[in-house]
Each structure stands twice: as structure tokens, then as C-alpha cells.
Amino acid sequence: MAMSNTFLILALASAVWGVVSSIVITAFLARRGVKINYVFIRLLILKYVRQYRKITMQESGRPGPWFYSFVVSMNLALVLAIVGIVLKTI
């Protein structure tokens, strides 16, 4: 039980980091003149992440660090949540 809670807490922390990454990405895009729809940001965040990657690739030849931060943190949150849920059911 304690192990599953640990995984779920780590999943929550990873998801929070993903939210921080998405905020930084949208701020970056807003500074570059991209209109951000804050009402539907949860639906459009993947579009903004792709735009961030495209712009940073054009500027420096590589995706920006927040791209990887978002992708890794959200995938890690998913994996940790699944492990936590599976351990809770055992």
C-alpha cells in the first residue's frame, strides 16, 4: 500500500512539472507572437508543444529544453500512475 502511494505521489509531482513546462512553453510562444488560447489550453497544449519544437528547431537546429521536459514528465507521470494503480490493486 505504501509503495503504491509513493508511485502515485511521484506521478503527481511529474504531472505538476509537466504543467510548469507547458506554462513556460506557452510564454515562449507568446513572446514570439503566437496567439495563445488560454480558455482551451488543455486541449491545445500538444499543438503548442509542436509549435515550440518547430520554432526552436528553426532558431537553433535542436528542440528546446522545455520540449523534452514536457514530453518526459508527462510520459513519466503516465507510467508512474499506472504502476501505482497496479500496485494498489494487488
PDB file of N, CA and C in Angstrom:
ATOM      1  N   MET A   1       0.823  -1.197   0.000  1.00  0.00           N
ATOM      2  CA  MET A   1       0.000   0.000   0.000  1.00  0.00           C
ATOM      3  C   MET A   1       0.864   1.257   0.000  1.00  0.00           C
ATOM      4  N   ALA A   2       1.900   1.290   0.839  1.00  0.00           N
ATOM      5  CA  ALA A   2       2.761   2.468   0.902  1.00  0.00           C
ATOM      6  C   ALA A   2       3.541   2.649  -0.395  1.00  0.00           C
ATOM      7  N   MET A   3       3.902   1.528  -1.023  1.00  0.00           N
ATOM      8  CA  MET A   3       4.657   1.599  -2.276  1.00  0.00           C
ATOM      9  C   MET A   3       3.786   2.190  -3.385  1.00  0.00           C
ATOM     10  N   SER A   4       2.524   1.802  -3.430  1.00  0.00           N
ATOM     11  CA  SER A   4       1.637   2.340  -4.465  1.00  0.00           C
ATOM     12  C   SER A   4       1.414   3.833  -4.251  1.00  0.00           C
ATOM     13  N   ASN A   5       1.301   4.253  -2.997  1.00  0.00           N
ATOM     14  CA  ASN A   5       1.138   5.680  -2.714  1.00  0.00           C
ATOM     15  C   ASN A   5       2.373   6.475  -3.131  1.00  0.00           C
ATOM     16  N   THR A   6       3.535   5.879  -2.955  1.00  0.00           N
ATOM     17  CA  THR A   6       4.775   6.537  -3.368  1.00  0.00           C
ATOM     18  C   THR A   6       4.780   6.766  -4.874  1.00  0.00           C
ATOM     19  N   PHE A   7       4.394   5.745  -5.629  1.00  0.00           N
ATOM     20  CA  PHE A   7       4.350   5.894  -7.082  1.00  0.00           C
ATOM     21  C   PHE A   7       3.313   6.935  -7.504  1.00  0.00           C
ATOM     22  N   LEU A   8       2.176   6.957  -6.837  1.00  0.00           N
ATOM     23  CA  LEU A   8       1.140   7.930  -7.184  1.00  0.00           C
ATOM     24  C   LEU A   8       1.577   9.361  -6.852  1.00  0.00           C
ATOM     25  N   ILE A   9       2.288   9.536  -5.759  1.00  0.00           N
ATOM     26  CA  ILE A   9       2.808  10.862  -5.405  1.00  0.00           C
ATOM     27  C   ILE A   9       3.863  11.304  -6.415  1.00  0.00           C
ATOM     28  N   LEU A  10       4.729  10.385  -6.824  1.00  0.00           N
ATOM     29  CA  LEU A  10       5.728  10.711  -7.845  1.00  0.00           C
ATOM     30  C   LEU A  10       5.057  11.042  -9.184  1.00  0.00           C
ATOM     31  N   ALA A  11       3.979  10.346  -9.503  1.00  0.00           N
ATOM     32  CA  ALA A  11       3.230  10.643 -10.730  1.00  0.00           C
ATOM     33  C   ALA A  11       2.635  12.040 -10.661  1.00  0.00           C
ATOM     34  N   LEU A  12       2.107  12.407  -9.513  1.00  0.00           N
ATOM     35  CA  LEU A  12       1.537  13.750  -9.336  1.00  0.00           C
ATOM     36  C   LEU A  12       2.624  14.818  -9.462  1.00  0.00           C
ATOM     37  N   ALA A  13       3.776  14.578  -8.859  1.00  0.00           N
ATOM     38  CA  ALA A  13       4.879  15.537  -8.949  1.00  0.00           C
ATOM     39  C   ALA A  13       5.349  15.679 -10.400  1.00  0.00           C
ATOM     40  N   SER A  14       5.403  14.580 -11.123  1.00  0.00           N
ATOM     41  CA  SER A  14       5.801  14.631 -12.524  1.00  0.00           C
ATOM     42  C   SER A  14       4.779  15.388 -13.362  1.00  0.00           C
ATOM     43  N   ALA A  15       3.499  15.196 -13.079  1.00  0.00           N
ATOM     44  CA  ALA A  15       2.447  15.921 -13.800  1.00  0.00           C
ATOM     45  C   ALA A  15       2.532  17.420 -13.517  1.00  0.00           C
ATOM     46  N   VAL A  16       2.833  17.776 -12.284  1.00  0.00           N
ATOM     47  CA  VAL A  16       2.988  19.195 -11.939  1.00  0.00           C
ATOM     48  C   VAL A  16       4.152  19.791 -12.728  1.00  0.00           C
ATOM     49  N   TRP A  17       5.255  19.047 -12.844  1.00  0.00           N
ATOM     50  CA  TRP A  17       6.390  19.537 -13.630  1.00  0.00           C
ATOM     51  C   TRP A  17       6.007  19.694 -15.101  1.00  0.00           C
ATOM     52  N   GLY A  18       5.168  18.806 -15.596  1.00  0.00           N
ATOM     53  CA  GLY A  18       4.676  18.934 -16.964  1.00  0.00           C
ATOM     54  C   GLY A  18       3.847  20.196 -17.156  1.00  0.00           C
ATOM     55  N   VAL A  19       3.060  20.540 -16.160  1.00  0.00           N
ATOM     56  CA  VAL A  19       2.271  21.775 -16.216  1.00  0.00           C
ATOM     57  C   VAL A  19       3.196  22.991 -16.215  1.00  0.00           C
ATOM     58  N   VAL A  20       4.216  22.962 -15.383  1.00  0.00           N
ATOM     59  CA  VAL A  20       5.191  24.055 -15.367  1.00  0.00           C
ATOM     60  C   VAL A  20       5.855  24.187 -16.740  1.00  0.00           C
ATOM     61  N   SER A  21       6.225  23.068 -17.328  1.00  0.00           N
ATOM     62  CA  SER A  21       6.837  23.085 -18.655  1.00  0.00           C
ATOM     63  C   SER A  21       5.890  23.676 -19.691  1.00  0.00           C
ATOM     64  N   SER A  22       4.610  23.319 -19.615  1.00  0.00           N
ATOM     65  CA  SER A  22       3.651  23.846 -20.585  1.00  0.00           C
ATOM     66  C   SER A  22       3.446  25.347 -20.417  1.00  0.00           C
ATOM     67  N   ILE A  23       3.503  25.837 -19.193  1.00  0.00           N
ATOM     68  CA  ILE A  23       3.388  27.277 -18.953  1.00  0.00           C
ATOM     69  C   ILE A  23       4.576  28.012 -19.560  1.00  0.00           C
ATOM     70  N   VAL A  24       5.767  27.471 -19.375  1.00  0.00           N
ATOM     71  CA  VAL A  24       6.969  28.093 -19.944  1.00  0.00           C
ATOM     72  C   VAL A  24       6.910  28.060 -21.469  1.00  0.00           C
ATOM     73  N   ILE A  25       6.441  26.956 -22.033  1.00  0.00           N
ATOM     74  CA  ILE A  25       6.329  26.841 -23.489  1.00  0.00           C
ATOM     75  C   ILE A  25       5.351  27.872 -24.034  1.00  0.00           C
ATOM     76  N   THR A  26       4.195  28.015 -23.406  1.00  0.00           N
ATOM     77  CA  THR A  26       3.213  28.989 -23.904  1.00  0.00           C
ATOM     78  C   THR A  26       3.725  30.415 -23.735  1.00  0.00           C
ATOM     79  N   ALA A  27       4.470  30.693 -22.685  1.00  0.00           N
ATOM     80  CA  ALA A  27       5.057  32.026 -22.517  1.00  0.00           C
ATOM     81  C   ALA A  27       6.079  32.299 -23.611  1.00  0.00           C
ATOM     82  N   PHE A  28       6.883  31.306 -23.951  1.00  0.00           N
ATOM     83  CA  PHE A  28       7.853  31.425 -25.030  1.00  0.00           C
ATOM     84  C   PHE A  28       7.150  31.743 -26.346  1.00  0.00           C
ATOM     85  N   LEU A  29       6.082  30.999 -26.644  1.00  0.00           N
ATOM     86  CA  LEU A  29       5.348  31.213 -27.883  1.00  0.00           C
ATOM     87  C   LEU A  29       4.677  32.584 -27.911  1.00  0.00           C
ATOM     88  N   ALA A  30       4.152  33.015 -26.780  1.00  0.00           N
ATOM     89  CA  ALA A  30       3.505  34.329 -26.721  1.00  0.00           C
ATOM     90  C   ALA A  30       4.517  35.438 -27.007  1.00  0.00           C
ATOM     91  N   ARG A  31       5.747  35.288 -26.509  1.00  0.00           N
ATOM     92  CA  ARG A  31       6.794  36.273 -26.793  1.00  0.00           C
ATOM     93  C   ARG A  31       7.181  36.285 -28.261  1.00  0.00           C
ATOM     94  N   ARG A  32       6.977  35.170 -28.945  1.00  0.00           N
ATOM     95  CA  ARG A  32       7.291  35.079 -30.370  1.00  0.00           C
ATOM     96  C   ARG A  32       6.107  35.493 -31.246  1.00  0.00           C
ATOM     97  N   GLY A  33       5.014  35.937 -30.635  1.00  0.00           N
ATOM     98  CA  GLY A  33       3.877  36.441 -31.392  1.00  0.00           C
ATOM     99  C   GLY A  33       2.801  35.416 -31.702  1.00  0.00           C
ATOM    100  N   VAL A  34       2.898  34.225 -31.155  1.00  0.00           N
ATOM    101  CA  VAL A  34       1.871  33.201 -31.375  1.00  0.00           C
ATOM    102  C   VAL A  34       0.706  33.500 -30.429  1.00  0.00           C
ATOM    103  N   LYS A  35      -0.504  33.530 -30.983  1.00  0.00           N
ATOM    104  CA  LYS A  35      -1.682  33.760 -30.149  1.00  0.00           C
ATOM    105  C   LYS A  35      -1.985  32.494 -29.358  1.00  0.00           C
ATOM    106  N   ILE A  36      -2.099  32.652 -28.058  1.00  0.00           N
ATOM    107  CA  ILE A  36      -2.368  31.526 -27.171  1.00  0.00           C
ATOM    108  C   ILE A  36      -3.826  31.610 -26.726  1.00  0.00           C
ATOM    109  N   ASN A  37      -4.564  30.532 -26.904  1.00  0.00           N
ATOM    110  CA  ASN A  37      -5.947  30.459 -26.456  1.00  0.00           C
ATOM    111  C   ASN A  37      -5.945  29.855 -25.044  1.00  0.00           C
ATOM    112  N   TYR A  38      -5.990  30.713 -24.038  1.00  0.00           N
ATOM    113  CA  TYR A  38      -5.881  30.251 -22.653  1.00  0.00           C
ATOM    114  C   TYR A  38      -7.135  29.531 -22.180  1.00  0.00           C
ATOM    115  N   VAL A  39      -8.262  29.757 -22.842  1.00  0.00           N
ATOM    116  CA  VAL A  39      -9.500  29.082 -22.453  1.00  0.00           C
ATOM    117  C   VAL A  39      -9.408  27.586 -22.765  1.00  0.00           C
ATOM    118  N   PHE A  40      -8.852  27.256 -23.921  1.00  0.00           N
ATOM    119  CA  PHE A  40      -8.768  25.861 -24.348  1.00  0.00           C
ATOM    120  C   PHE A  40      -7.340  25.332 -24.314  1.00  0.00           C
ATOM    121  N   ILE A  41      -6.528  25.838 -23.418  1.00  0.00           N
ATOM    122  CA  ILE A  41      -5.113  25.458 -23.395  1.00  0.00           C
ATOM    123  C   ILE A  41      -4.926  23.962 -23.146  1.00  0.00           C
ATOM    124  N   ARG A  42      -5.797  23.368 -22.340  1.00  0.00           N
ATOM    125  CA  ARG A  42      -5.658  21.935 -22.063  1.00  0.00           C
ATOM    126  C   ARG A  42      -5.887  21.099 -23.308  1.00  0.00           C
ATOM    127  N   LEU A  43      -6.725  21.580 -24.198  1.00  0.00           N
ATOM    128  CA  LEU A  43      -6.982  20.856 -25.442  1.00  0.00           C
ATOM    129  C   LEU A  43      -5.907  21.124 -26.495  1.00  0.00           C
ATOM    130  N   LEU A  44      -5.302  22.302 -26.433  1.00  0.00           N
ATOM    131  CA  LEU A  44      -4.370  22.731 -27.472  1.00  0.00           C
ATOM    132  C   LEU A  44      -2.902  22.609 -27.091  1.00  0.00           C
ATOM    133  N   ILE A  45      -2.592  22.097 -25.903  1.00  0.00           N
ATOM    134  CA  ILE A  45      -1.217  22.118 -25.438  1.00  0.00           C
ATOM    135  C   ILE A  45      -0.294  21.311 -26.358  1.00  0.00           C
ATOM    136  N   LEU A  46      -0.767  20.206 -26.909  1.00  0.00           N
ATOM    137  CA  LEU A  46       0.095  19.430 -27.806  1.00  0.00           C
ATOM    138  C   LEU A  46       0.421  20.217 -29.070  1.00  0.00           C
ATOM    139  N   LYS A  47      -0.521  21.013 -29.548  1.00  0.00           N
ATOM    140  CA  LYS A  47      -0.267  21.894 -30.693  1.00  0.00           C
ATOM    141  C   LYS A  47       0.816  22.911 -30.338  1.00  0.00           C
ATOM    142  N   TYR A  48       0.729  23.487 -29.145  1.00  0.00           N
ATOM    143  CA  TYR A  48       1.713  24.480 -28.725  1.00  0.00           C
ATOM    144  C   TYR A  48       3.088  23.848 -28.527  1.00  0.00           C
ATOM    145  N   VAL A  49       3.124  22.624 -28.030  1.00  0.00           N
ATOM    146  CA  VAL A  49       4.403  21.932 -27.858  1.00  0.00           C
ATOM    147  C   VAL A  49       5.048  21.682 -29.217  1.00  0.00           C
ATOM    148  N   ARG A  50       4.247  21.282 -30.210  1.00  0.00           N
ATOM    149  CA  ARG A  50       4.788  21.093 -31.571  1.00  0.00           C
ATOM    150  C   ARG A  50       5.287  22.419 -32.150  1.00  0.00           C
ATOM    151  N   GLN A  51       4.542  23.505 -31.915  1.00  0.00           N
ATOM    152  CA  GLN A  51       4.985  24.813 -32.410  1.00  0.00           C
ATOM    153  C   GLN A  51       6.286  25.230 -31.737  1.00  0.00           C
ATOM    154  N   TYR A  52       6.390  25.005 -30.434  1.00  0.00           N
ATOM    155  CA  TYR A  52       7.617  25.322 -29.698  1.00  0.00           C
ATOM    156  C   TYR A  52       8.796  24.550 -30.291  1.00  0.00           C
ATOM    157  N   ARG A  53       8.586  23.263 -30.541  1.00  0.00           N
ATOM    158  CA  ARG A  53       9.658  22.444 -31.114  1.00  0.00           C
ATOM    159  C   ARG A  53      10.055  22.975 -32.488  1.00  0.00           C
ATOM    160  N   LYS A  54       9.076  23.308 -33.303  1.00  0.00           N
ATOM    161  CA  LYS A  54       9.359  23.796 -34.658  1.00  0.00           C
ATOM    162  C   LYS A  54      10.141  25.115 -34.613  1.00  0.00           C
ATOM    163  N   ILE A  55       9.718  26.045 -33.767  1.00  0.00           N
ATOM    164  CA  ILE A  55      10.390  27.344 -33.678  1.00  0.00           C
ATOM    165  C   ILE A  55      11.810  27.190 -33.152  1.00  0.00           C
ATOM    166  N   THR A  56      11.991  26.385 -32.106  1.00  0.00           N
ATOM    167  CA  THR A  56      13.340  26.223 -31.554  1.00  0.00           C
ATOM    168  C   THR A  56      14.244  25.468 -32.526  1.00  0.00           C
ATOM    169  N   MET A  57      13.676  24.558 -33.311  1.00  0.00           N
ATOM    170  CA  MET A  57      14.473  23.867 -34.336  1.00  0.00           C
ATOM    171  C   MET A  57      14.939  24.854 -35.400  1.00  0.00           C
ATOM    172  N   GLN A  58      14.077  25.802 -35.769  1.00  0.00           N
ATOM    173  CA  GLN A  58      14.457  26.805 -36.759  1.00  0.00           C
ATOM    174  C   GLN A  58      15.516  27.753 -36.208  1.00  0.00           C
ATOM    175  N   GLU A  59      15.420  28.090 -34.931  1.00  0.00           N
ATOM    176  CA  GLU A  59      16.350  29.049 -34.331  1.00  0.00           C
ATOM    177  C   GLU A  59      17.711  28.443 -34.016  1.00  0.00           C
ATOM    178  N   SER A  60      17.717  27.208 -33.492  1.00  0.00           N
ATOM    179  CA  SER A  60      18.994  26.661 -33.027  1.00  0.00           C
ATOM    180  C   SER A  60      19.368  25.324 -33.648  1.00  0.00           C
ATOM    181  N   GLY A  61      18.465  24.744 -34.406  1.00  0.00           N
ATOM    182  CA  GLY A  61      18.762  23.455 -35.003  1.00  0.00           C
ATOM    183  C   GLY A  61      18.429  22.264 -34.129  1.00  0.00           C
ATOM    184  N   ARG A  62      17.950  22.515 -32.904  1.00  0.00           N
ATOM    185  CA  ARG A  62      17.557  21.447 -31.988  1.00  0.00           C
ATOM    186  C   ARG A  62      16.307  21.870 -31.235  1.00  0.00           C
ATOM    187  N   PRO A  63      15.530  20.904 -30.779  1.00  0.00           N
ATOM    188  CA  PRO A  63      14.363  21.262 -29.964  1.00  0.00           C
ATOM    189  C   PRO A  63      14.820  21.902 -28.652  1.00  0.00           C
ATOM    190  N   GLY A  64      14.034  22.834 -28.168  1.00  0.00           N
ATOM    191  CA  GLY A  64      14.360  23.499 -26.912  1.00  0.00           C
ATOM    192  C   GLY A  64      14.247  22.554 -25.726  1.00  0.00           C
ATOM    193  N   PRO A  65      14.874  22.898 -24.618  1.00  0.00           N
ATOM    194  CA  PRO A  65      14.885  22.008 -23.455  1.00  0.00           C
ATOM    195  C   PRO A  65      13.504  21.795 -22.839  1.00  0.00           C
ATOM    196  N   TRP A  66      12.616  22.743 -22.983  1.00  0.00           N
ATOM    197  CA  TRP A  66      11.283  22.589 -22.404  1.00  0.00           C
ATOM    198  C   TRP A  66      10.451  21.575 -23.170  1.00  0.00           C
ATOM    199  N   PHE A  67      10.787  21.334 -24.428  1.00  0.00           N
ATOM    200  CA  PHE A  67      10.111  20.289 -25.192  1.00  0.00           C
ATOM    201  C   PHE A  67      10.348  18.938 -24.522  1.00  0.00           C
ATOM    202  N   TYR A  68      11.615  18.637 -24.259  1.00  0.00           N
ATOM    203  CA  TYR A  68      11.942  17.363 -23.619  1.00  0.00           C
ATOM    204  C   TYR A  68      11.407  17.316 -22.193  1.00  0.00           C
ATOM    205  N   SER A  69      11.446  18.430 -21.510  1.00  0.00           N
ATOM    206  CA  SER A  69      10.933  18.490 -20.150  1.00  0.00           C
ATOM    207  C   SER A  69       9.451  18.116 -20.122  1.00  0.00           C
ATOM    208  N   PHE A  70       8.680  18.653 -21.062  1.00  0.00           N
ATOM    209  CA  PHE A  70       7.249  18.353 -21.124  1.00  0.00           C
ATOM    210  C   PHE A  70       7.014  16.891 -21.483  1.00  0.00           C
ATOM    211  N   VAL A  71       7.662  16.422 -22.533  1.00  0.00           N
ATOM    212  CA  VAL A  71       7.424  15.060 -23.019  1.00  0.00           C
ATOM    213  C   VAL A  71       7.822  14.026 -21.963  1.00  0.00           C
ATOM    214  N   VAL A  72       8.996  14.186 -21.385  1.00  0.00           N
ATOM    215  CA  VAL A  72       9.471  13.212 -20.398  1.00  0.00           C
ATOM    216  C   VAL A  72       8.599  13.239 -19.145  1.00  0.00           C
ATOM    217  N   SER A  73       8.259  14.425 -18.654  1.00  0.00           N
ATOM    218  CA  SER A  73       7.481  14.493 -17.417  1.00  0.00           C
ATOM    219  C   SER A  73       6.083  13.918 -17.589  1.00  0.00           C
ATOM    220  N   MET A  74       5.443  14.170 -18.717  1.00  0.00           N
ATOM    221  CA  MET A  74       4.097  13.634 -18.917  1.00  0.00           C
ATOM    222  C   MET A  74       4.117  12.123 -19.130  1.00  0.00           C
ATOM    223  N   ASN A  75       5.094  11.617 -19.858  1.00  0.00           N
ATOM    224  CA  ASN A  75       5.204  10.163 -20.031  1.00  0.00           C
ATOM    225  C   ASN A  75       5.553   9.478 -18.716  1.00  0.00           C
ATOM    226  N   LEU A  76       6.425  10.100 -17.947  1.00  0.00           N
ATOM    227  CA  LEU A  76       6.775   9.554 -16.644  1.00  0.00           C
ATOM    228  C   LEU A  76       5.577   9.549 -15.707  1.00  0.00           C
ATOM    229  N   ALA A  77       4.775  10.609 -15.748  1.00  0.00           N
ATOM    230  CA  ALA A  77       3.562  10.668 -14.921  1.00  0.00           C
ATOM    231  C   ALA A  77       2.617   9.524 -15.294  1.00  0.00           C
ATOM    232  N   LEU A  78       2.469   9.271 -16.575  1.00  0.00           N
ATOM    233  CA  LEU A  78       1.587   8.186 -17.023  1.00  0.00           C
ATOM    234  C   LEU A  78       2.086   6.829 -16.533  1.00  0.00           C
ATOM    235  N   VAL A  79       3.360   6.566 -16.712  1.00  0.00           N
ATOM    236  CA  VAL A  79       3.924   5.275 -16.306  1.00  0.00           C
ATOM    237  C   VAL A  79       3.843   5.095 -14.791  1.00  0.00           C
ATOM    238  N   LEU A  80       4.212   6.131 -14.038  1.00  0.00           N
ATOM    239  CA  LEU A  80       4.166   6.031 -12.575  1.00  0.00           C
ATOM    240  C   LEU A  80       2.748   5.855 -12.059  1.00  0.00           C
ATOM    241  N   ALA A  81       1.789   6.524 -12.682  1.00  0.00           N
ATOM    242  CA  ALA A  81       0.392   6.367 -12.260  1.00  0.00           C
ATOM    243  C   ALA A  81      -0.099   4.951 -12.528  1.00  0.00           C
ATOM    244  N   ILE A  82       0.260   4.405 -13.678  1.00  0.00           N
ATOM    245  CA  ILE A  82      -0.151   3.025 -13.983  1.00  0.00           C
ATOM    246  C   ILE A  82       0.464   2.044 -12.998  1.00  0.00           C
ATOM    247  N   VAL A  83       1.745   2.216 -12.698  1.00  0.00           N
ATOM    248  CA  VAL A  83       2.407   1.330 -11.731  1.00  0.00           C
ATOM    249  C   VAL A  83       1.747   1.486 -10.361  1.00  0.00           C
ATOM    250  N   GLY A  84       1.469   2.702  -9.946  1.00  0.00           N
ATOM    251  CA  GLY A  84       0.820   2.916  -8.653  1.00  0.00           C
ATOM    252  C   GLY A  84      -0.558   2.279  -8.576  1.00  0.00           C
ATOM    253  N   ILE A  85      -1.317   2.388  -9.644  1.00  0.00           N
ATOM    254  CA  ILE A  85      -2.654   1.795  -9.660  1.00  0.00           C
ATOM    255  C   ILE A  85      -2.579   0.274  -9.647  1.00  0.00           C
ATOM    256  N   VAL A  86      -1.648  -0.288 -10.420  1.00  0.00           N
ATOM    257  CA  VAL A  86      -1.493  -1.750 -10.442  1.00  0.00           C
ATOM    258  C   VAL A  86      -1.078  -2.238  -9.066  1.00  0.00           C
ATOM    259  N   LEU A  87      -0.132  -1.560  -8.411  1.00  0.00           N
ATOM    260  CA  LEU A  87       0.298  -1.985  -7.074  1.00  0.00           C
ATOM    261  C   LEU A  87      -0.819  -1.855  -6.053  1.00  0.00           C
ATOM    262  N   LYS A  88      -1.694  -0.892  -6.233  1.00  0.00           N
ATOM    263  CA  LYS A  88      -2.803  -0.698  -5.290  1.00  0.00           C
ATOM    264  C   LYS A  88      -3.813  -1.823  -5.398  1.00  0.00           C
ATOM    265  N   THR A  89      -3.974  -2.367  -6.614  1.00  0.00           N
ATOM    266  CA  THR A  89      -4.953  -3.434  -6.801  1.00  0.00           C
ATOM    267  C   THR A  89      -4.425  -4.795  -6.375  1.00  0.00           C
ATOM    268  N   ILE A  90      -3.124  -4.916  -6.221  1.00  0.00           N
ATOM    269  CA  ILE A  90      -2.538  -6.216  -5.816  1.00  0.00           C
ATOM    270  C   ILE A  90      -2.758  -6.469  -4.353  1.00  0.00           C
TER     271      ILE A  90
END
